[in-house]
Amino acid sequence: MGQGLCGADGSWQRTWIPLLKDHKHLLDLSLAVLDGTHTPVKRGGSHVGYQGWKKTRTTNTIWMTDRAGKVVGFLPPVSGNHHDLYELETRLEDQIADLKKSDIDVDGLFLNADAGFDSNSFRLTCFRHGIQLNAPLNTRNINNLADCDYYFDELMYKERYVIERTNGWMDAWRRFLNRFDKTLVSWRAWHHIYALCSWCLYLQKV
């Protein structure tokens, strides 16, 4: 596969960022949602690890959508043997940098995420960027519940289903059922292609 087609030259990312910038007015960022998805890996390669509950080698990608489930972006993929909190602060910084290139400001953003994303360091990173993380407390990370004063909005949290729906649409793409790409740059390019196509399908309806 040629360099341009696989996205090794960054062409798909450079296409994605201006598309998101041109249509950011269509995003409903009164709420954003974060969730990870594991893709089984068939040929090995970089950022691959054994995932116990999947009982196979996977790569884990965390996606971000708006309140309606439209793709906002994704965090850099990691090996499947890592939990969602692995280098999460650094990966969120990467995503925020991309959003800034699309002139999207995260200050004041409410972000839904499950308990797997609950950590003091991640909450601090969100707070530093003006993001209000709405995630239930992970009791495994807490010694004394009485010492925790994080606000959690259960009604808002129920809207997490939108990203599950988006992940379901993604599973309809054969390219995402299994990973065959050995390089991370090629695998990331397919994520940008999916984001572009999902928006193109949406724009046909508006």
Protein backbone atom coordinates (compact mmCIF):
# COMPACT_ATOMS: atom_id res chain seq x y z
CA MET A 1 0.00 0.00 0.00
CA GLY A 2 1.37 3.40 -0.95
CA GLN A 3 2.41 5.88 1.68
CA GLY A 4 -0.34 8.33 0.81
CA LEU A 5 -3.08 5.68 0.76
CA CYS A 6 -2.16 4.24 4.15
CA GLY A 7 -1.87 7.74 5.60
CA ALA A 8 1.77 7.47 6.65
CA ASP A 9 2.24 11.03 5.37
CA GLY A 10 -0.55 12.30 7.63
CA SER A 11 -2.84 13.09 4.70
CA TRP A 12 -5.99 11.64 6.26
CA GLN A 13 -5.46 13.57 9.48
CA ARG A 14 -4.88 16.75 7.49
CA THR A 15 -8.18 16.09 5.71
CA TRP A 16 -10.07 15.37 8.93
CA ILE A 17 -9.04 18.49 10.87
CA PRO A 18 -10.38 21.09 8.36
CA LEU A 19 -13.59 19.09 7.82
CA LEU A 20 -14.28 19.18 11.55
CA LYS A 21 -13.37 22.89 11.63
CA ASP A 22 -15.75 23.72 8.77
CA HIS A 23 -18.66 21.89 10.40
CA LYS A 24 -18.02 22.45 14.10
CA HIS A 25 -21.23 24.50 14.25
CA LEU A 26 -23.10 21.21 13.77
CA LEU A 27 -21.58 19.67 16.89
CA ASP A 28 -23.59 19.58 20.11
CA LEU A 29 -20.82 20.03 22.64
CA SER A 30 -23.15 20.77 25.52
CA LEU A 31 -21.93 17.27 26.37
CA ALA A 32 -19.20 14.97 25.03
CA VAL A 33 -18.77 11.24 25.63
CA LEU A 34 -15.60 9.15 25.97
CA ASP A 35 -15.36 5.38 25.61
CA GLY A 36 -12.81 2.75 24.59
CA THR A 37 -13.14 -0.10 22.11
CA HIS A 38 -10.86 -3.14 21.63
CA THR A 39 -10.13 -4.45 18.13
CA PRO A 40 -8.78 -8.03 17.72
CA VAL A 41 -5.42 -8.12 15.93
CA LYS A 42 -4.72 -10.81 13.31
CA ARG A 43 -1.20 -10.10 12.03
CA GLY A 44 0.66 -8.67 14.98
CA GLY A 45 2.41 -5.32 14.76
CA SER A 46 2.92 -2.30 16.99
CA HIS A 47 0.71 -1.40 19.95
CA VAL A 48 -0.69 -4.92 20.30
CA GLY A 49 -1.24 -6.82 23.55
CA TYR A 50 -3.24 -9.72 24.98
CA GLN A 51 -6.62 -8.71 26.37
CA GLY A 52 -7.94 -11.16 28.96
CA TRP A 53 -11.71 -10.78 28.60
CA LYS A 54 -11.41 -10.77 24.79
CA LYS A 55 -9.05 -13.79 25.02
CA THR A 56 -7.01 -12.48 22.11
CA ARG A 57 -4.50 -9.79 21.19
CA THR A 58 -6.11 -6.39 20.70
CA THR A 59 -5.49 -2.69 20.21
CA ASN A 60 -7.51 -0.27 22.33
CA THR A 61 -8.80 3.05 20.97
CA ILE A 62 -10.73 5.62 22.97
CA TRP A 63 -13.25 7.61 20.94
CA MET A 64 -14.93 10.93 21.69
CA THR A 65 -18.36 11.92 20.38
CA ASP A 66 -20.69 14.84 20.88
CA ARG A 67 -24.07 14.63 22.61
CA ALA A 68 -25.70 13.21 19.47
CA GLY A 69 -23.00 10.59 18.84
CA LYS A 70 -21.16 12.45 16.06
CA VAL A 71 -17.44 11.70 16.03
CA VAL A 72 -15.30 14.44 17.57
CA GLY A 73 -12.04 12.50 17.51
CA PHE A 74 -10.07 9.68 19.09
CA LEU A 75 -7.14 9.30 21.44
CA PRO A 76 -3.95 7.59 20.20
CA PRO A 77 -4.46 3.78 20.26
CA VAL A 78 -2.56 1.63 22.78
CA SER A 79 -1.89 -2.08 23.26
CA GLY A 80 -4.91 -4.07 24.41
CA ASN A 81 -3.19 -5.30 27.56
CA HIS A 82 -3.35 -1.77 28.96
CA HIS A 83 -6.40 -0.44 30.80
CA ASP A 84 -8.11 2.78 29.74
CA LEU A 85 -6.12 4.88 32.22
CA TYR A 86 -2.78 3.97 30.62
CA GLU A 87 -1.03 7.24 29.66
CA LEU A 88 -4.53 8.71 29.48
CA GLU A 89 -3.48 12.22 30.44
CA THR A 90 -0.90 12.38 27.63
CA ARG A 91 -3.32 10.93 25.10
CA LEU A 92 -6.04 13.40 26.09
CA GLU A 93 -3.56 16.24 25.56
CA ASP A 94 -2.97 14.88 22.04
CA GLN A 95 -6.71 14.92 21.32
CA ILE A 96 -7.15 18.42 22.73
CA ALA A 97 -4.29 19.65 20.51
CA ASP A 98 -6.11 18.26 17.45
CA LEU A 99 -9.37 19.91 18.52
CA LYS A 100 -7.60 23.25 18.85
CA LYS A 101 -6.44 22.89 15.24
CA SER A 102 -10.13 22.69 14.35
CA ASP A 103 -10.81 25.80 16.47
CA ILE A 104 -12.75 23.78 19.04
CA ASP A 105 -12.33 24.99 22.62
CA VAL A 106 -12.84 22.39 25.36
CA ASP A 107 -13.07 24.92 28.17
CA GLY A 108 -16.44 24.38 29.88
CA LEU A 109 -16.99 20.97 28.26
CA PHE A 110 -18.92 18.33 30.23
CA LEU A 111 -17.43 14.91 29.52
CA ASN A 112 -19.22 11.62 30.22
CA ALA A 113 -17.04 8.57 30.89
CA ASP A 114 -17.45 5.31 32.78
CA ALA A 115 -15.80 4.39 36.08
CA GLY A 116 -12.77 3.00 34.27
CA PHE A 117 -11.70 6.59 33.61
CA ASP A 118 -11.92 7.65 37.25
CA SER A 119 -8.53 8.68 38.58
CA ASN A 120 -7.27 11.76 40.38
CA SER A 121 -4.63 12.46 37.73
CA PHE A 122 -7.12 12.28 34.85
CA ARG A 123 -9.62 14.46 36.71
CA LEU A 124 -6.83 16.96 37.32
CA THR A 125 -5.89 17.01 33.63
CA CYS A 126 -9.52 17.59 32.69
CA PHE A 127 -9.84 20.36 35.30
CA ARG A 128 -6.70 22.08 33.99
CA HIS A 129 -8.35 22.36 30.55
CA GLY A 130 -11.70 23.46 31.97
CA ILE A 131 -13.32 20.06 31.34
CA GLN A 132 -15.88 18.79 33.86
CA LEU A 133 -15.49 15.00 33.99
CA ASN A 134 -18.78 13.26 34.77
CA ALA A 135 -17.72 9.75 35.74
CA PRO A 136 -18.90 7.49 38.56
CA LEU A 137 -16.36 6.83 41.28
CA ASN A 138 -14.30 3.69 40.85
CA THR A 139 -14.42 2.22 44.35
CA ARG A 140 -11.30 0.12 43.66
CA ASN A 141 -9.27 3.35 43.54
CA ILE A 142 -10.73 4.82 46.74
CA ASN A 143 -9.66 4.14 50.32
CA ASN A 144 -12.29 6.33 51.95
CA LEU A 145 -15.47 7.27 50.07
CA ALA A 146 -16.16 10.02 52.62
CA ASP A 147 -13.08 11.89 51.38
CA CYS A 148 -14.42 12.10 47.80
CA ASP A 149 -16.39 15.20 46.90
CA TYR A 150 -16.53 14.85 43.11
CA TYR A 151 -19.91 15.77 41.65
CA PHE A 152 -21.59 13.08 39.57
CA ASP A 153 -24.75 13.72 37.54
CA GLU A 154 -26.59 10.42 37.06
CA LEU A 155 -29.11 11.87 34.60
CA MET A 156 -26.34 13.21 32.39
CA TYR A 157 -24.48 9.91 32.64
CA LYS A 158 -27.42 8.06 31.09
CA GLU A 159 -26.59 9.77 27.80
CA ARG A 160 -23.48 7.62 27.44
CA TYR A 161 -25.51 5.30 25.22
CA VAL A 162 -24.81 7.56 22.21
CA ILE A 163 -21.19 6.45 21.99
CA GLU A 164 -22.22 2.80 22.31
CA ARG A 165 -24.42 3.40 19.27
CA THR A 166 -21.52 5.01 17.41
CA ASN A 167 -19.28 2.07 18.28
CA GLY A 168 -22.01 -0.24 16.95
CA TRP A 169 -22.00 1.60 13.63
CA MET A 170 -18.22 1.22 13.56
CA ASP A 171 -18.52 -2.54 13.98
CA ALA A 172 -20.45 -2.59 10.71
CA TRP A 173 -17.19 -1.65 9.00
CA ARG A 174 -15.27 -4.84 8.25
CA ARG A 175 -12.02 -2.90 8.56
CA PHE A 176 -12.73 -2.40 12.28
CA LEU A 177 -13.90 -5.91 13.09
CA ASN A 178 -10.25 -7.01 13.04
CA ARG A 179 -6.98 -5.16 12.72
CA PHE A 180 -4.69 -6.33 9.92
CA ASP A 181 -2.46 -3.24 9.73
CA LYS A 182 0.94 -3.81 11.35
CA THR A 183 1.91 -0.17 11.79
CA LEU A 184 0.22 2.23 14.16
CA VAL A 185 0.28 5.06 11.64
CA SER A 186 -1.72 2.97 9.16
CA TRP A 187 -4.20 1.90 11.85
CA ARG A 188 -4.69 5.52 12.93
CA ALA A 189 -5.28 6.48 9.30
CA TRP A 190 -8.23 4.08 9.14
CA HIS A 191 -9.68 5.82 12.21
CA HIS A 192 -9.48 9.16 10.41
CA ILE A 193 -11.08 7.61 7.32
CA TYR A 194 -13.96 6.30 9.44
CA ALA A 195 -14.41 9.71 11.10
CA LEU A 196 -14.48 11.37 7.67
CA CYS A 197 -16.96 8.90 6.22
CA SER A 198 -19.27 9.07 9.24
CA TRP A 199 -19.43 12.83 8.83
CA CYS A 200 -19.97 12.59 5.07
CA LEU A 201 -22.95 10.31 5.70
CA TYR A 202 -24.30 12.74 8.29
CA LEU A 203 -23.86 15.75 6.00
CA GLN A 204 -25.88 14.06 3.29
CA LYS A 205 -28.88 14.18 5.63
CA VAL A 206 -28.68 17.83 6.73
